[in-house]
Amino acid sequence: MAIVKQTVDRLDNLEESFTPVLLQLGAMHSYKANFSADNFSVFLESLLFTWDSVLMDKMTPECTVAWRTVFSYIMAKLHQGYITGHS
């Protein structure tokens, strides 16, 4: 969850200030045994399910779109780093 907080804290300057961290973290996952790139999409859906379960009626359609955007960005950069780490 620290990655989510750090991403949100840097929304105004993600590419410069935090994307390198996400890419490096993704690359680190490329060396984990039994870890697949498919795990990123599963984790994305798990995060959204958890957020929806906790926030319940506060998880409006707009809120869902916003969090999906943040989580998708994180997972895309992790996946990019993962692929680069496999190269």
PDB file of N, CA and C in Angstrom:
ATOM      1  N   MET A   1       0.813  -1.186   0.000  1.00  0.00           N
ATOM      2  CA  MET A   1       0.000   0.000   0.000  1.00  0.00           C
ATOM      3  C   MET A   1       0.863   1.258   0.000  1.00  0.00           C
ATOM      4  N   ALA A   2       2.099   1.120   0.395  1.00  0.00           N
ATOM      5  CA  ALA A   2       2.988   2.281   0.378  1.00  0.00           C
ATOM      6  C   ALA A   2       3.175   2.803  -1.044  1.00  0.00           C
ATOM      7  N   ILE A   3       3.220   1.917  -2.009  1.00  0.00           N
ATOM      8  CA  ILE A   3       3.375   2.324  -3.409  1.00  0.00           C
ATOM      9  C   ILE A   3       2.158   3.142  -3.855  1.00  0.00           C
ATOM     10  N   VAL A   4       0.973   2.726  -3.442  1.00  0.00           N
ATOM     11  CA  VAL A   4      -0.243   3.475  -3.785  1.00  0.00           C
ATOM     12  C   VAL A   4      -0.166   4.881  -3.188  1.00  0.00           C
ATOM     13  N   LYS A   5       0.195   4.974  -1.911  1.00  0.00           N
ATOM     14  CA  LYS A   5       0.295   6.278  -1.257  1.00  0.00           C
ATOM     15  C   LYS A   5       1.344   7.153  -1.940  1.00  0.00           C
ATOM     16  N   GLN A   6       2.489   6.571  -2.230  1.00  0.00           N
ATOM     17  CA  GLN A   6       3.555   7.351  -2.862  1.00  0.00           C
ATOM     18  C   GLN A   6       3.155   7.802  -4.261  1.00  0.00           C
ATOM     19  N   THR A   7       2.407   6.977  -4.974  1.00  0.00           N
ATOM     20  CA  THR A   7       1.921   7.365  -6.300  1.00  0.00           C
ATOM     21  C   THR A   7       0.951   8.533  -6.190  1.00  0.00           C
ATOM     22  N   VAL A   8      -0.002   8.411  -5.292  1.00  0.00           N
ATOM     23  CA  VAL A   8      -0.990   9.487  -5.111  1.00  0.00           C
ATOM     24  C   VAL A   8      -0.305  10.779  -4.666  1.00  0.00           C
ATOM     25  N   ASP A   9       0.675  10.671  -3.792  1.00  0.00           N
ATOM     26  CA  ASP A   9       1.395  11.861  -3.312  1.00  0.00           C
ATOM     27  C   ASP A   9       2.135  12.584  -4.438  1.00  0.00           C
ATOM     28  N   ARG A  10       2.422  11.867  -5.520  1.00  0.00           N
ATOM     29  CA  ARG A  10       3.216  12.446  -6.615  1.00  0.00           C
ATOM     30  C   ARG A  10       2.431  12.592  -7.918  1.00  0.00           C
ATOM     31  N   LEU A  11       1.123  12.613  -7.844  1.00  0.00           N
ATOM     32  CA  LEU A  11       0.292  12.674  -9.048  1.00  0.00           C
ATOM     33  C   LEU A  11       0.642  13.827  -9.972  1.00  0.00           C
ATOM     34  N   ASP A  12       1.075  14.933  -9.426  1.00  0.00           N
ATOM     35  CA  ASP A  12       1.383  16.097 -10.255  1.00  0.00           C
ATOM     36  C   ASP A  12       2.678  15.964 -11.050  1.00  0.00           C
ATOM     37  N   ASN A  13       3.510  14.998 -10.694  1.00  0.00           N
ATOM     38  CA  ASN A  13       4.808  14.871 -11.354  1.00  0.00           C
ATOM     39  C   ASN A  13       5.250  13.411 -11.390  1.00  0.00           C
ATOM     40  N   LEU A  14       4.344  12.528 -11.755  1.00  0.00           N
ATOM     41  CA  LEU A  14       4.633  11.092 -11.692  1.00  0.00           C
ATOM     42  C   LEU A  14       5.795  10.658 -12.573  1.00  0.00           C
ATOM     43  N   GLU A  15       5.770  11.076 -13.817  1.00  0.00           N
ATOM     44  CA  GLU A  15       6.779  10.583 -14.763  1.00  0.00           C
ATOM     45  C   GLU A  15       8.199  10.849 -14.282  1.00  0.00           C
ATOM     46  N   GLU A  16       8.436  12.024 -13.781  1.00  0.00           N
ATOM     47  CA  GLU A  16       9.784  12.367 -13.346  1.00  0.00           C
ATOM     48  C   GLU A  16      10.102  11.871 -11.944  1.00  0.00           C
ATOM     49  N   SER A  17       9.121  11.963 -11.054  1.00  0.00           N
ATOM     50  CA  SER A  17       9.444  11.728  -9.649  1.00  0.00           C
ATOM     51  C   SER A  17       9.237  10.302  -9.170  1.00  0.00           C
ATOM     52  N   PHE A  18       8.387   9.517  -9.862  1.00  0.00           N
ATOM     53  CA  PHE A  18       8.093   8.215  -9.280  1.00  0.00           C
ATOM     54  C   PHE A  18       8.120   7.049 -10.261  1.00  0.00           C
ATOM     55  N   THR A  19       7.952   7.322 -11.545  1.00  0.00           N
ATOM     56  CA  THR A  19       7.969   6.239 -12.520  1.00  0.00           C
ATOM     57  C   THR A  19       9.245   5.401 -12.434  1.00  0.00           C
ATOM     58  N   PRO A  20      10.422   5.994 -12.265  1.00  0.00           N
ATOM     59  CA  PRO A  20      11.632   5.162 -12.153  1.00  0.00           C
ATOM     60  C   PRO A  20      11.558   4.149 -10.997  1.00  0.00           C
ATOM     61  N   VAL A  21      10.926   4.524  -9.903  1.00  0.00           N
ATOM     62  CA  VAL A  21      10.776   3.607  -8.763  1.00  0.00           C
ATOM     63  C   VAL A  21       9.884   2.435  -9.154  1.00  0.00           C
ATOM     64  N   LEU A  22       8.775   2.722  -9.845  1.00  0.00           N
ATOM     65  CA  LEU A  22       7.864   1.661 -10.259  1.00  0.00           C
ATOM     66  C   LEU A  22       8.529   0.728 -11.274  1.00  0.00           C
ATOM     67  N   LEU A  23       9.286   1.289 -12.194  1.00  0.00           N
ATOM     68  CA  LEU A  23       9.988   0.458 -13.181  1.00  0.00           C
ATOM     69  C   LEU A  23      11.001  -0.458 -12.503  1.00  0.00           C
ATOM     70  N   GLN A  24      11.724   0.083 -11.544  1.00  0.00           N
ATOM     71  CA  GLN A  24      12.708  -0.723 -10.820  1.00  0.00           C
ATOM     72  C   GLN A  24      12.028  -1.824 -10.010  1.00  0.00           C
ATOM     73  N   LEU A  25      10.927  -1.500  -9.374  1.00  0.00           N
ATOM     74  CA  LEU A  25      10.187  -2.499  -8.610  1.00  0.00           C
ATOM     75  C   LEU A  25       9.663  -3.604  -9.532  1.00  0.00           C
ATOM     76  N   GLY A  26       9.166  -3.227 -10.683  1.00  0.00           N
ATOM     77  CA  GLY A  26       8.710  -4.219 -11.656  1.00  0.00           C
ATOM     78  C   GLY A  26       9.850  -5.112 -12.119  1.00  0.00           C
ATOM     79  N   ALA A  27      11.007  -4.516 -12.374  1.00  0.00           N
ATOM     80  CA  ALA A  27      12.172  -5.298 -12.795  1.00  0.00           C
ATOM     81  C   ALA A  27      12.586  -6.286 -11.712  1.00  0.00           C
ATOM     82  N   MET A  28      12.482  -5.870 -10.457  1.00  0.00           N
ATOM     83  CA  MET A  28      12.831  -6.774  -9.355  1.00  0.00           C
ATOM     84  C   MET A  28      11.921  -8.002  -9.356  1.00  0.00           C
ATOM     85  N   HIS A  29      10.677  -7.836  -9.764  1.00  0.00           N
ATOM     86  CA  HIS A  29       9.749  -8.962  -9.801  1.00  0.00           C
ATOM     87  C   HIS A  29      10.098  -9.958 -10.914  1.00  0.00           C
ATOM     88  N   SER A  30      10.855  -9.519 -11.910  1.00  0.00           N
ATOM     89  CA  SER A  30      11.211 -10.422 -12.998  1.00  0.00           C
ATOM     90  C   SER A  30      12.160 -11.528 -12.524  1.00  0.00           C
ATOM     91  N   TYR A  31      12.756 -11.342 -11.366  1.00  0.00           N
ATOM     92  CA  TYR A  31      13.682 -12.338 -10.826  1.00  0.00           C
ATOM     93  C   TYR A  31      13.043 -13.246  -9.777  1.00  0.00           C
ATOM     94  N   LYS A  32      11.770 -13.020  -9.506  1.00  0.00           N
ATOM     95  CA  LYS A  32      11.063 -13.846  -8.512  1.00  0.00           C
ATOM     96  C   LYS A  32      10.604 -15.149  -9.156  1.00  0.00           C
ATOM     97  N   ALA A  33      10.877 -16.244  -8.498  1.00  0.00           N
ATOM     98  CA  ALA A  33      10.432 -17.543  -8.996  1.00  0.00           C
ATOM     99  C   ALA A  33       8.909 -17.607  -8.963  1.00  0.00           C
ATOM    100  N   ASN A  34       8.337 -18.212  -9.960  1.00  0.00           N
ATOM    101  CA  ASN A  34       6.888 -18.427 -10.054  1.00  0.00           C
ATOM    102  C   ASN A  34       6.091 -17.137 -10.138  1.00  0.00           C
ATOM    103  N   PHE A  35       6.717 -16.039 -10.506  1.00  0.00           N
ATOM    104  CA  PHE A  35       5.979 -14.782 -10.701  1.00  0.00           C
ATOM    105  C   PHE A  35       5.775 -14.596 -12.191  1.00  0.00           C
ATOM    106  N   SER A  36       4.556 -14.284 -12.568  1.00  0.00           N
ATOM    107  CA  SER A  36       4.200 -14.115 -13.975  1.00  0.00           C
ATOM    108  C   SER A  36       3.703 -12.699 -14.208  1.00  0.00           C
ATOM    109  N   ALA A  37       3.850 -12.217 -15.420  1.00  0.00           N
ATOM    110  CA  ALA A  37       3.330 -10.895 -15.777  1.00  0.00           C
ATOM    111  C   ALA A  37       1.816 -10.835 -15.589  1.00  0.00           C
ATOM    112  N   ASP A  38       1.151 -11.969 -15.654  1.00  0.00           N
ATOM    113  CA  ASP A  38      -0.304 -12.023 -15.436  1.00  0.00           C
ATOM    114  C   ASP A  38      -0.678 -11.598 -14.015  1.00  0.00           C
ATOM    115  N   ASN A  39       0.247 -11.722 -13.093  1.00  0.00           N
ATOM    116  CA  ASN A  39      -0.026 -11.344 -11.706  1.00  0.00           C
ATOM    117  C   ASN A  39      -0.409  -9.872 -11.572  1.00  0.00           C
ATOM    118  N   PHE A  40       0.106  -9.026 -12.455  1.00  0.00           N
ATOM    119  CA  PHE A  40      -0.195  -7.600 -12.362  1.00  0.00           C
ATOM    120  C   PHE A  40      -1.680  -7.328 -12.590  1.00  0.00           C
ATOM    121  N   SER A  41      -2.281  -7.983 -13.576  1.00  0.00           N
ATOM    122  CA  SER A  41      -3.712  -7.745 -13.826  1.00  0.00           C
ATOM    123  C   SER A  41      -4.569  -8.335 -12.713  1.00  0.00           C
ATOM    124  N   VAL A  42      -4.139  -9.470 -12.159  1.00  0.00           N
ATOM    125  CA  VAL A  42      -4.864 -10.062 -11.031  1.00  0.00           C
ATOM    126  C   VAL A  42      -4.790  -9.137  -9.825  1.00  0.00           C
ATOM    127  N   PHE A  43      -3.623  -8.572  -9.584  1.00  0.00           N
ATOM    128  CA  PHE A  43      -3.456  -7.660  -8.454  1.00  0.00           C
ATOM    129  C   PHE A  43      -4.296  -6.394  -8.645  1.00  0.00           C
ATOM    130  N   LEU A  44      -4.357  -5.902  -9.879  1.00  0.00           N
ATOM    131  CA  LEU A  44      -5.178  -4.729 -10.173  1.00  0.00           C
ATOM    132  C   LEU A  44      -6.630  -4.985  -9.782  1.00  0.00           C
ATOM    133  N   GLU A  45      -7.168  -6.095 -10.219  1.00  0.00           N
ATOM    134  CA  GLU A  45      -8.565  -6.407  -9.907  1.00  0.00           C
ATOM    135  C   GLU A  45      -8.756  -6.643  -8.409  1.00  0.00           C
ATOM    136  N   SER A  46      -7.766  -7.218  -7.753  1.00  0.00           N
ATOM    137  CA  SER A  46      -7.835  -7.438  -6.302  1.00  0.00           C
ATOM    138  C   SER A  46      -7.865  -6.115  -5.545  1.00  0.00           C
ATOM    139  N   LEU A  47      -7.051  -5.170  -5.981  1.00  0.00           N
ATOM    140  CA  LEU A  47      -7.056  -3.848  -5.352  1.00  0.00           C
ATOM    141  C   LEU A  47      -8.419  -3.182  -5.495  1.00  0.00           C
ATOM    142  N   LEU A  48      -8.972  -3.222  -6.688  1.00  0.00           N
ATOM    143  CA  LEU A  48     -10.279  -2.597  -6.909  1.00  0.00           C
ATOM    144  C   LEU A  48     -11.368  -3.277  -6.090  1.00  0.00           C
ATOM    145  N   PHE A  49     -11.319  -4.594  -6.012  1.00  0.00           N
ATOM    146  CA  PHE A  49     -12.298  -5.323  -5.212  1.00  0.00           C
ATOM    147  C   PHE A  49     -12.185  -4.923  -3.736  1.00  0.00           C
ATOM    148  N   THR A  50     -10.959  -4.826  -3.250  1.00  0.00           N
ATOM    149  CA  THR A  50     -10.730  -4.455  -1.855  1.00  0.00           C
ATOM    150  C   THR A  50     -11.213  -3.036  -1.590  1.00  0.00           C
ATOM    151  N   TRP A  51     -10.848  -2.104  -2.469  1.00  0.00           N
ATOM    152  CA  TRP A  51     -11.286  -0.713  -2.303  1.00  0.00           C
ATOM    153  C   TRP A  51     -12.812  -0.659  -2.269  1.00  0.00           C
ATOM    154  N   ASP A  52     -13.454  -1.368  -3.191  1.00  0.00           N
ATOM    155  CA  ASP A  52     -14.917  -1.379  -3.251  1.00  0.00           C
ATOM    156  C   ASP A  52     -15.508  -1.970  -1.972  1.00  0.00           C
ATOM    157  N   SER A  53     -14.905  -3.020  -1.456  1.00  0.00           N
ATOM    158  CA  SER A  53     -15.396  -3.672  -0.235  1.00  0.00           C
ATOM    159  C   SER A  53     -15.263  -2.782   0.993  1.00  0.00           C
ATOM    160  N   VAL A  54     -14.207  -2.008   1.042  1.00  0.00           N
ATOM    161  CA  VAL A  54     -13.965  -1.145   2.195  1.00  0.00           C
ATOM    162  C   VAL A  54     -14.782   0.148   2.100  1.00  0.00           C
ATOM    163  N   LEU A  55     -14.795   0.750   0.926  1.00  0.00           N
ATOM    164  CA  LEU A  55     -15.464   2.043   0.776  1.00  0.00           C
ATOM    165  C   LEU A  55     -16.975   1.922   0.570  1.00  0.00           C
ATOM    166  N   MET A  56     -17.419   0.793   0.118  1.00  0.00           N
ATOM    167  CA  MET A  56     -18.833   0.482  -0.102  1.00  0.00           C
ATOM    168  C   MET A  56     -19.555   1.612  -0.831  1.00  0.00           C
ATOM    169  N   ASP A  57     -20.519   2.255  -0.196  1.00  0.00           N
ATOM    170  CA  ASP A  57     -21.335   3.260  -0.870  1.00  0.00           C
ATOM    171  C   ASP A  57     -20.546   4.527  -1.226  1.00  0.00           C
ATOM    172  N   LYS A  58     -19.372   4.695  -0.653  1.00  0.00           N
ATOM    173  CA  LYS A  58     -18.531   5.843  -0.999  1.00  0.00           C
ATOM    174  C   LYS A  58     -17.794   5.613  -2.318  1.00  0.00           C
ATOM    175  N   MET A  59     -17.789   4.370  -2.785  1.00  0.00           N
ATOM    176  CA  MET A  59     -17.105   4.028  -4.033  1.00  0.00           C
ATOM    177  C   MET A  59     -18.072   4.292  -5.192  1.00  0.00           C
ATOM    178  N   THR A  60     -18.206   5.567  -5.512  1.00  0.00           N
ATOM    179  CA  THR A  60     -19.089   5.986  -6.599  1.00  0.00           C
ATOM    180  C   THR A  60     -18.479   5.577  -7.942  1.00  0.00           C
ATOM    181  N   PRO A  61     -19.238   5.631  -9.013  1.00  0.00           N
ATOM    182  CA  PRO A  61     -18.656   5.334 -10.329  1.00  0.00           C
ATOM    183  C   PRO A  61     -17.449   6.224 -10.656  1.00  0.00           C
ATOM    184  N   GLU A  62     -17.526   7.484 -10.282  1.00  0.00           N
ATOM    185  CA  GLU A  62     -16.403   8.403 -10.523  1.00  0.00           C
ATOM    186  C   GLU A  62     -15.178   8.003  -9.708  1.00  0.00           C
ATOM    187  N   CYS A  63     -15.417   7.613  -8.476  1.00  0.00           N
ATOM    188  CA  CYS A  63     -14.339   7.160  -7.595  1.00  0.00           C
ATOM    189  C   CYS A  63     -13.695   5.889  -8.157  1.00  0.00           C
ATOM    190  N   THR A  64     -14.525   4.991  -8.643  1.00  0.00           N
ATOM    191  CA  THR A  64     -14.022   3.748  -9.240  1.00  0.00           C
ATOM    192  C   THR A  64     -13.126   4.051 -10.437  1.00  0.00           C
ATOM    193  N   VAL A  65     -13.555   4.965 -11.281  1.00  0.00           N
ATOM    194  CA  VAL A  65     -12.755   5.344 -12.454  1.00  0.00           C
ATOM    195  C   VAL A  65     -11.425   5.948 -12.015  1.00  0.00           C
ATOM    196  N   ALA A  66     -11.466   6.810 -11.015  1.00  0.00           N
ATOM    197  CA  ALA A  66     -10.232   7.454 -10.534  1.00  0.00           C
ATOM    198  C   ALA A  66      -9.246   6.428  -9.986  1.00  0.00           C
ATOM    199  N   TRP A  67      -9.734   5.532  -9.130  1.00  0.00           N
ATOM    200  CA  TRP A  67      -8.836   4.524  -8.556  1.00  0.00           C
ATOM    201  C   TRP A  67      -8.359   3.545  -9.612  1.00  0.00           C
ATOM    202  N   ARG A  68      -9.225   3.167 -10.549  1.00  0.00           N
ATOM    203  CA  ARG A  68      -8.797   2.269 -11.629  1.00  0.00           C
ATOM    204  C   ARG A  68      -7.676   2.930 -12.436  1.00  0.00           C
ATOM    205  N   THR A  69      -7.783   4.225 -12.647  1.00  0.00           N
ATOM    206  CA  THR A  69      -6.749   4.947 -13.380  1.00  0.00           C
ATOM    207  C   THR A  69      -5.420   4.916 -12.628  1.00  0.00           C
ATOM    208  N   VAL A  70      -5.457   5.192 -11.336  1.00  0.00           N
ATOM    209  CA  VAL A  70      -4.232   5.177 -10.519  1.00  0.00           C
ATOM    210  C   VAL A  70      -3.640   3.762 -10.488  1.00  0.00           C
ATOM    211  N   PHE A  71      -4.468   2.772 -10.186  1.00  0.00           N
ATOM    212  CA  PHE A  71      -3.972   1.398 -10.087  1.00  0.00           C
ATOM    213  C   PHE A  71      -3.468   0.885 -11.437  1.00  0.00           C
ATOM    214  N   SER A  72      -4.158   1.247 -12.510  1.00  0.00           N
ATOM    215  CA  SER A  72      -3.728   0.817 -13.848  1.00  0.00           C
ATOM    216  C   SER A  72      -2.372   1.420 -14.199  1.00  0.00           C
ATOM    217  N   TYR A  73      -2.169   2.667 -13.829  1.00  0.00           N
ATOM    218  CA  TYR A  73      -0.876   3.314 -14.067  1.00  0.00           C
ATOM    219  C   TYR A  73       0.238   2.567 -13.326  1.00  0.00           C
ATOM    220  N   ILE A  74      -0.010   2.288 -12.057  1.00  0.00           N
ATOM    221  CA  ILE A  74       0.990   1.565 -11.255  1.00  0.00           C
ATOM    222  C   ILE A  74       1.295   0.222 -11.896  1.00  0.00           C
ATOM    223  N   MET A  75       0.263  -0.542 -12.230  1.00  0.00           N
ATOM    224  CA  MET A  75       0.467  -1.883 -12.791  1.00  0.00           C
ATOM    225  C   MET A  75       1.141  -1.824 -14.155  1.00  0.00           C
ATOM    226  N   ALA A  76       0.812  -0.820 -14.964  1.00  0.00           N
ATOM    227  CA  ALA A  76       1.444  -0.690 -16.282  1.00  0.00           C
ATOM    228  C   ALA A  76       2.943  -0.441 -16.147  1.00  0.00           C
ATOM    229  N   LYS A  77       3.311   0.416 -15.201  1.00  0.00           N
ATOM    230  CA  LYS A  77       4.738   0.710 -15.010  1.00  0.00           C
ATOM    231  C   LYS A  77       5.471  -0.484 -14.387  1.00  0.00           C
ATOM    232  N   LEU A  78       4.817  -1.173 -13.462  1.00  0.00           N
ATOM    233  CA  LEU A  78       5.423  -2.383 -12.900  1.00  0.00           C
ATOM    234  C   LEU A  78       5.619  -3.419 -14.000  1.00  0.00           C
ATOM    235  N   HIS A  79       4.615  -3.579 -14.843  1.00  0.00           N
ATOM    236  CA  HIS A  79       4.692  -4.553 -15.946  1.00  0.00           C
ATOM    237  C   HIS A  79       5.808  -4.168 -16.918  1.00  0.00           C
ATOM    238  N   GLN A  80       5.900  -2.885 -17.235  1.00  0.00           N
ATOM    239  CA  GLN A  80       6.958  -2.409 -18.122  1.00  0.00           C
ATOM    240  C   GLN A  80       8.336  -2.731 -17.535  1.00  0.00           C
ATOM    241  N   GLY A  81       8.499  -2.469 -16.255  1.00  0.00           N
ATOM    242  CA  GLY A  81       9.771  -2.796 -15.602  1.00  0.00           C
ATOM    243  C   GLY A  81      10.031  -4.286 -15.573  1.00  0.00           C
ATOM    244  N   TYR A  82       8.986  -5.069 -15.361  1.00  0.00           N
ATOM    245  CA  TYR A  82       9.087  -6.531 -15.346  1.00  0.00           C
ATOM    246  C   TYR A  82       9.601  -7.025 -16.708  1.00  0.00           C
ATOM    247  N   ILE A  83       8.990  -6.523 -17.780  1.00  0.00           N
ATOM    248  CA  ILE A  83       9.393  -6.933 -19.135  1.00  0.00           C
ATOM    249  C   ILE A  83      10.831  -6.519 -19.413  1.00  0.00           C
ATOM    250  N   THR A  84      11.186  -5.311 -19.015  1.00  0.00           N
ATOM    251  CA  THR A  84      12.557  -4.830 -19.208  1.00  0.00           C
ATOM    252  C   THR A  84      13.540  -5.688 -18.420  1.00  0.00           C
ATOM    253  N   GLY A  85      13.156  -6.099 -17.236  1.00  0.00           N
ATOM    254  CA  GLY A  85      14.022  -6.951 -16.410  1.00  0.00           C
ATOM    255  C   GLY A  85      14.243  -8.319 -17.014  1.00  0.00           C
ATOM    256  N   HIS A  86      13.290  -8.781 -17.825  1.00  0.00           N
ATOM    257  CA  HIS A  86      13.428 -10.083 -18.494  1.00  0.00           C
ATOM    258  C   HIS A  86      14.266 -10.004 -19.749  1.00  0.00           C
ATOM    259  N   SER A  87      14.533  -8.787 -20.238  1.00  0.00           N
ATOM    260  CA  SER A  87      15.260  -8.614 -21.501  1.00  0.00           C
ATOM    261  C   SER A  87      16.727  -8.901 -21.350  1.00  0.00           C
TER     262      SER A  87
END
